[in-house]
Amino acid sequence: MSCVVSKRTEIIGRWTATLPGDVTAHIAVAANDGQHALIYNDAGDWDALAFAYDEESARRIAKLIAHLVAMPEHLRIGGDTILSDADADHPGVEWIAPTEVVDDPDPAVRLTGPGTRRLWVLPSTDGDVFGLLDPDEEPRDIAEFVSAPAADAFIAFLDALLGDRAYGEK
């Protein structure tokens, strides 16, 4: 007698964006058989970009992306890739959004409001590990990218998803 165990994938969050060159790409935060991953598709096949440390981390990733998408503007810090300005005081790429929309002519007030939510793609000091951080929570590390190109794909996707709403320079 044999038993087949079905694996069920839970999608915690999913987004679609159009990348430069009119390429449609998808990102999802997914859970399957105790693993939690940030997965990506731009050519028909889904690939893991990063693995979340646990279910709570995966849910935080989805909540942070959903929050950034919901905000009318955000602050973006960093270059085009995870290794841009790797030796700077603030390496990698970070997106910062207020916790709520504040109507004020001063961008500093609009972007910080009563508080912020942040998502940061960050290389390790040796450049061998590429993390996804939630600087406002403990633990701060929520996922680890599988490679620098995977982190760069996430950066390009999130920039495309958020469009021109960034109050900052690349």
C-alpha atoms as a PDB file:
ATOM      1  CA  MET A   1       0.000   0.000   0.000  1.00  0.00           C
ATOM      2  CA  SER A   2       1.387   3.416  -0.899  1.00  0.00           C
ATOM      3  CA  CYS A   3       0.409   6.826   0.270  1.00  0.00           C
ATOM      4  CA  VAL A   4       0.764   9.986  -1.785  1.00  0.00           C
ATOM      5  CA  VAL A   5       1.242  13.143   0.207  1.00  0.00           C
ATOM      6  CA  SER A   6       0.054  16.208  -1.619  1.00  0.00           C
ATOM      7  CA  LYS A   7       2.138  19.325  -1.249  1.00  0.00           C
ATOM      8  CA  ARG A   8       0.058  22.447  -1.027  1.00  0.00           C
ATOM      9  CA  THR A   9       1.589  25.829  -1.743  1.00  0.00           C
ATOM     10  CA  GLU A  10       0.164  28.766   0.153  1.00  0.00           C
ATOM     11  CA  ILE A  11       0.556  32.153  -1.537  1.00  0.00           C
ATOM     12  CA  ILE A  12       0.952  34.744   1.216  1.00  0.00           C
ATOM     13  CA  GLY A  13       1.208  37.684  -1.189  1.00  0.00           C
ATOM     14  CA  ARG A  14       1.551  38.142  -4.949  1.00  0.00           C
ATOM     15  CA  TRP A  15       2.302  41.127  -7.197  1.00  0.00           C
ATOM     16  CA  THR A  16       2.766  41.793 -10.912  1.00  0.00           C
ATOM     17  CA  ALA A  17       4.843  44.542 -12.520  1.00  0.00           C
ATOM     18  CA  THR A  18       5.950  45.527 -16.003  1.00  0.00           C
ATOM     19  CA  LEU A  19       9.736  45.730 -16.208  1.00  0.00           C
ATOM     20  CA  PRO A  20      11.702  47.756 -18.760  1.00  0.00           C
ATOM     21  CA  GLY A  21      11.378  46.196 -22.196  1.00  0.00           C
ATOM     22  CA  ASP A  22       7.687  45.448 -21.573  1.00  0.00           C
ATOM     23  CA  VAL A  23       8.488  42.263 -19.649  1.00  0.00           C
ATOM     24  CA  THR A  24       5.720  41.171 -17.294  1.00  0.00           C
ATOM     25  CA  ALA A  25       7.120  39.792 -14.059  1.00  0.00           C
ATOM     26  CA  HIS A  26       5.530  38.308 -10.952  1.00  0.00           C
ATOM     27  CA  ILE A  27       6.737  38.006  -7.373  1.00  0.00           C
ATOM     28  CA  ALA A  28       5.073  35.982  -4.674  1.00  0.00           C
ATOM     29  CA  VAL A  29       5.766  35.147  -1.070  1.00  0.00           C
ATOM     30  CA  ALA A  30       4.951  31.459  -0.796  1.00  0.00           C
ATOM     31  CA  ALA A  31       4.982  28.667   1.765  1.00  0.00           C
ATOM     32  CA  ASN A  32       5.319  25.009   0.903  1.00  0.00           C
ATOM     33  CA  ASP A  33       6.146  22.076   3.157  1.00  0.00           C
ATOM     34  CA  GLY A  34       7.621  24.241   5.905  1.00  0.00           C
ATOM     35  CA  GLN A  35       9.731  26.388   3.573  1.00  0.00           C
ATOM     36  CA  HIS A  36       8.975  30.048   2.949  1.00  0.00           C
ATOM     37  CA  ALA A  37      10.315  31.786  -0.115  1.00  0.00           C
ATOM     38  CA  LEU A  38      10.165  34.894  -2.223  1.00  0.00           C
ATOM     39  CA  ILE A  39       9.624  33.496  -5.720  1.00  0.00           C
ATOM     40  CA  TYR A  40       9.896  35.219  -9.099  1.00  0.00           C
ATOM     41  CA  ASN A  41       8.656  34.610 -12.621  1.00  0.00           C
ATOM     42  CA  ASP A  42       9.408  36.640 -15.742  1.00  0.00           C
ATOM     43  CA  ALA A  43       9.713  33.915 -18.368  1.00  0.00           C
ATOM     44  CA  GLY A  44       7.213  31.215 -17.459  1.00  0.00           C
ATOM     45  CA  ASP A  45       9.112  29.424 -14.694  1.00  0.00           C
ATOM     46  CA  TRP A  46       9.063  30.299 -11.021  1.00  0.00           C
ATOM     47  CA  ASP A  47      12.462  30.591  -9.312  1.00  0.00           C
ATOM     48  CA  ALA A  48      13.320  31.245  -5.682  1.00  0.00           C
ATOM     49  CA  LEU A  49      14.929  34.651  -5.147  1.00  0.00           C
ATOM     50  CA  ALA A  50      15.182  34.411  -1.368  1.00  0.00           C
ATOM     51  CA  PHE A  51      14.276  32.122   1.484  1.00  0.00           C
ATOM     52  CA  ALA A  52      12.551  33.588   4.517  1.00  0.00           C
ATOM     53  CA  TYR A  53      13.786  32.411   7.899  1.00  0.00           C
ATOM     54  CA  ASP A  54      10.341  31.313   9.076  1.00  0.00           C
ATOM     55  CA  GLU A  55       6.624  31.829   8.555  1.00  0.00           C
ATOM     56  CA  GLU A  56       6.566  35.060  10.556  1.00  0.00           C
ATOM     57  CA  SER A  57       9.358  36.486   8.382  1.00  0.00           C
ATOM     58  CA  ALA A  58       7.525  35.486   5.190  1.00  0.00           C
ATOM     59  CA  ARG A  59       4.370  37.198   6.398  1.00  0.00           C
ATOM     60  CA  ARG A  60       6.365  40.338   7.302  1.00  0.00           C
ATOM     61  CA  ILE A  61       7.844  40.427   3.778  1.00  0.00           C
ATOM     62  CA  ALA A  62       4.357  40.261   2.261  1.00  0.00           C
ATOM     63  CA  LYS A  63       3.016  42.924   4.627  1.00  0.00           C
ATOM     64  CA  LEU A  64       5.915  45.284   3.900  1.00  0.00           C
ATOM     65  CA  ILE A  65       5.563  44.941   0.127  1.00  0.00           C
ATOM     66  CA  ALA A  66       1.780  45.405   0.357  1.00  0.00           C
ATOM     67  CA  HIS A  67       2.288  48.486   2.539  1.00  0.00           C
ATOM     68  CA  LEU A  68       4.790  50.043   0.116  1.00  0.00           C
ATOM     69  CA  VAL A  69       2.376  49.436  -2.761  1.00  0.00           C
ATOM     70  CA  ALA A  70      -0.494  51.073  -0.843  1.00  0.00           C
ATOM     71  CA  MET A  71       1.386  54.282  -0.030  1.00  0.00           C
ATOM     72  CA  PRO A  72       1.154  57.205  -2.482  1.00  0.00           C
ATOM     73  CA  GLU A  73       4.889  57.927  -2.094  1.00  0.00           C
ATOM     74  CA  HIS A  74       7.980  56.528  -0.439  1.00  0.00           C
ATOM     75  CA  LEU A  75      11.653  57.288   0.012  1.00  0.00           C
ATOM     76  CA  ARG A  76      14.152  55.151  -1.875  1.00  0.00           C
ATOM     77  CA  ILE A  77      17.811  55.042  -0.873  1.00  0.00           C
ATOM     78  CA  GLY A  78      20.529  53.314  -2.917  1.00  0.00           C
ATOM     79  CA  GLY A  79      21.733  52.503  -6.384  1.00  0.00           C
ATOM     80  CA  ASP A  80      20.419  50.187  -9.063  1.00  0.00           C
ATOM     81  CA  THR A  81      21.905  46.961  -7.643  1.00  0.00           C
ATOM     82  CA  ILE A  82      22.582  45.365  -4.287  1.00  0.00           C
ATOM     83  CA  LEU A  83      26.311  45.961  -4.713  1.00  0.00           C
ATOM     84  CA  SER A  84      25.922  49.646  -5.658  1.00  0.00           C
ATOM     85  CA  ASP A  85      27.691  51.648  -2.981  1.00  0.00           C
ATOM     86  CA  ALA A  86      28.590  48.431  -1.114  1.00  0.00           C
ATOM     87  CA  ASP A  87      31.260  50.332   0.837  1.00  0.00           C
ATOM     88  CA  ALA A  88      28.983  53.272   1.691  1.00  0.00           C
ATOM     89  CA  ASP A  89      27.491  53.984   5.107  1.00  0.00           C
ATOM     90  CA  HIS A  90      24.132  52.806   3.750  1.00  0.00           C
ATOM     91  CA  PRO A  91      24.834  49.989   1.243  1.00  0.00           C
ATOM     92  CA  GLY A  92      22.225  48.192  -0.810  1.00  0.00           C
ATOM     93  CA  VAL A  93      18.757  49.556  -1.506  1.00  0.00           C
ATOM     94  CA  GLU A  94      16.122  50.597   1.019  1.00  0.00           C
ATOM     95  CA  TRP A  95      12.500  51.658   0.614  1.00  0.00           C
ATOM     96  CA  ILE A  96      10.872  53.695   3.393  1.00  0.00           C
ATOM     97  CA  ALA A  97       7.174  54.522   3.632  1.00  0.00           C
ATOM     98  CA  PRO A  98       5.141  56.250   6.322  1.00  0.00           C
ATOM     99  CA  THR A  99       2.847  54.129   8.459  1.00  0.00           C
ATOM    100  CA  GLU A 100      -0.092  56.236   7.287  1.00  0.00           C
ATOM    101  CA  VAL A 101      -0.843  58.932   4.725  1.00  0.00           C
ATOM    102  CA  VAL A 102      -0.305  62.445   6.091  1.00  0.00           C
ATOM    103  CA  ASP A 103      -1.484  65.499   4.158  1.00  0.00           C
ATOM    104  CA  ASP A 104       1.329  68.035   4.509  1.00  0.00           C
ATOM    105  CA  PRO A 105       3.267  70.130   1.968  1.00  0.00           C
ATOM    106  CA  ASP A 106       6.575  69.162   3.637  1.00  0.00           C
ATOM    107  CA  PRO A 107       7.860  65.868   2.140  1.00  0.00           C
ATOM    108  CA  ALA A 108       9.762  65.075   5.342  1.00  0.00           C
ATOM    109  CA  VAL A 109       6.496  65.134   7.295  1.00  0.00           C
ATOM    110  CA  ARG A 110       4.642  63.131   4.606  1.00  0.00           C
ATOM    111  CA  LEU A 111       7.356  60.473   4.457  1.00  0.00           C
ATOM    112  CA  THR A 112       7.838  60.022   8.177  1.00  0.00           C
ATOM    113  CA  GLY A 113       4.393  60.893   9.507  1.00  0.00           C
ATOM    114  CA  PRO A 114       3.819  59.188  12.826  1.00  0.00           C
ATOM    115  CA  GLY A 115       6.337  56.489  11.885  1.00  0.00           C
ATOM    116  CA  THR A 116       7.825  54.472   9.047  1.00  0.00           C
ATOM    117  CA  ARG A 117       7.966  50.976   7.632  1.00  0.00           C
ATOM    118  CA  ARG A 118      11.196  49.986   5.911  1.00  0.00           C
ATOM    119  CA  LEU A 119      12.431  47.201   3.640  1.00  0.00           C
ATOM    120  CA  TRP A 120      16.172  46.953   2.969  1.00  0.00           C
ATOM    121  CA  VAL A 121      18.137  44.747   0.532  1.00  0.00           C
ATOM    122  CA  LEU A 122      21.618  44.626   1.998  1.00  0.00           C
ATOM    123  CA  PRO A 123      24.914  42.868   1.184  1.00  0.00           C
ATOM    124  CA  SER A 124      27.046  41.479   3.997  1.00  0.00           C
ATOM    125  CA  THR A 125      30.387  43.148   4.643  1.00  0.00           C
ATOM    126  CA  ASP A 126      32.192  40.371   2.747  1.00  0.00           C
ATOM    127  CA  GLY A 127      29.694  40.542  -0.142  1.00  0.00           C
ATOM    128  CA  ASP A 128      28.886  36.826   0.077  1.00  0.00           C
ATOM    129  CA  VAL A 129      25.469  37.030   1.764  1.00  0.00           C
ATOM    130  CA  PHE A 130      22.571  39.141   0.530  1.00  0.00           C
ATOM    131  CA  GLY A 131      19.881  39.831   3.078  1.00  0.00           C
ATOM    132  CA  LEU A 132      16.392  41.245   3.179  1.00  0.00           C
ATOM    133  CA  LEU A 133      15.879  43.231   6.340  1.00  0.00           C
ATOM    134  CA  ASP A 134      12.987  44.799   8.219  1.00  0.00           C
ATOM    135  CA  PRO A 135      14.974  47.417  10.191  1.00  0.00           C
ATOM    136  CA  ASP A 136      11.963  48.369  12.329  1.00  0.00           C
ATOM    137  CA  GLU A 137      11.431  44.918  13.860  1.00  0.00           C
ATOM    138  CA  GLU A 138      13.291  42.254  15.797  1.00  0.00           C
ATOM    139  CA  PRO A 139      14.687  40.074  14.419  1.00  0.00           C
ATOM    140  CA  ARG A 140      15.695  42.403  11.642  1.00  0.00           C
ATOM    141  CA  ASP A 141      16.799  39.760   9.114  1.00  0.00           C
ATOM    142  CA  ILE A 142      13.767  38.239   7.421  1.00  0.00           C
ATOM    143  CA  ALA A 143      15.241  36.490   4.370  1.00  0.00           C
ATOM    144  CA  GLU A 144      18.433  35.660   2.526  1.00  0.00           C
ATOM    145  CA  PHE A 145      18.707  36.018  -1.252  1.00  0.00           C
ATOM    146  CA  VAL A 146      20.172  33.080  -3.157  1.00  0.00           C
ATOM    147  CA  SER A 147      22.575  35.355  -5.088  1.00  0.00           C
ATOM    148  CA  ALA A 148      23.374  38.945  -6.017  1.00  0.00           C
ATOM    149  CA  PRO A 149      21.446  38.584  -9.333  1.00  0.00           C
ATOM    150  CA  ALA A 150      18.416  37.346  -7.347  1.00  0.00           C
ATOM    151  CA  ALA A 151      18.601  40.412  -5.085  1.00  0.00           C
ATOM    152  CA  ASP A 152      18.967  42.626  -8.167  1.00  0.00           C
ATOM    153  CA  ALA A 153      15.865  41.031  -9.737  1.00  0.00           C
ATOM    154  CA  PHE A 154      13.934  41.872  -6.562  1.00  0.00           C
ATOM    155  CA  ILE A 155      15.217  45.470  -6.618  1.00  0.00           C
ATOM    156  CA  ALA A 156      14.268  45.920 -10.298  1.00  0.00           C
ATOM    157  CA  PHE A 157      10.854  44.370  -9.680  1.00  0.00           C
ATOM    158  CA  LEU A 158      10.053  46.500  -6.624  1.00  0.00           C
ATOM    159  CA  ASP A 159      11.211  49.659  -8.415  1.00  0.00           C
ATOM    160  CA  ALA A 160       8.946  48.810 -11.376  1.00  0.00           C
ATOM    161  CA  LEU A 161       6.050  47.932  -9.074  1.00  0.00           C
ATOM    162  CA  LEU A 162       6.329  51.187  -7.148  1.00  0.00           C
ATOM    163  CA  GLY A 163       6.842  53.259 -10.299  1.00  0.00           C
ATOM    164  CA  ASP A 164       7.765  56.918 -10.060  1.00  0.00           C
ATOM    165  CA  ARG A 165       6.387  57.505  -6.580  1.00  0.00           C
ATOM    166  CA  ALA A 166       9.838  57.637  -4.956  1.00  0.00           C
ATOM    167  CA  TYR A 167      10.878  60.824  -3.241  1.00  0.00           C
ATOM    168  CA  GLY A 168      14.601  60.341  -3.567  1.00  0.00           C
ATOM    169  CA  GLU A 169      17.374  59.651  -6.002  1.00  0.00           C
ATOM    170  CA  LYS A 170      18.679  56.425  -7.402  1.00  0.00           C
END
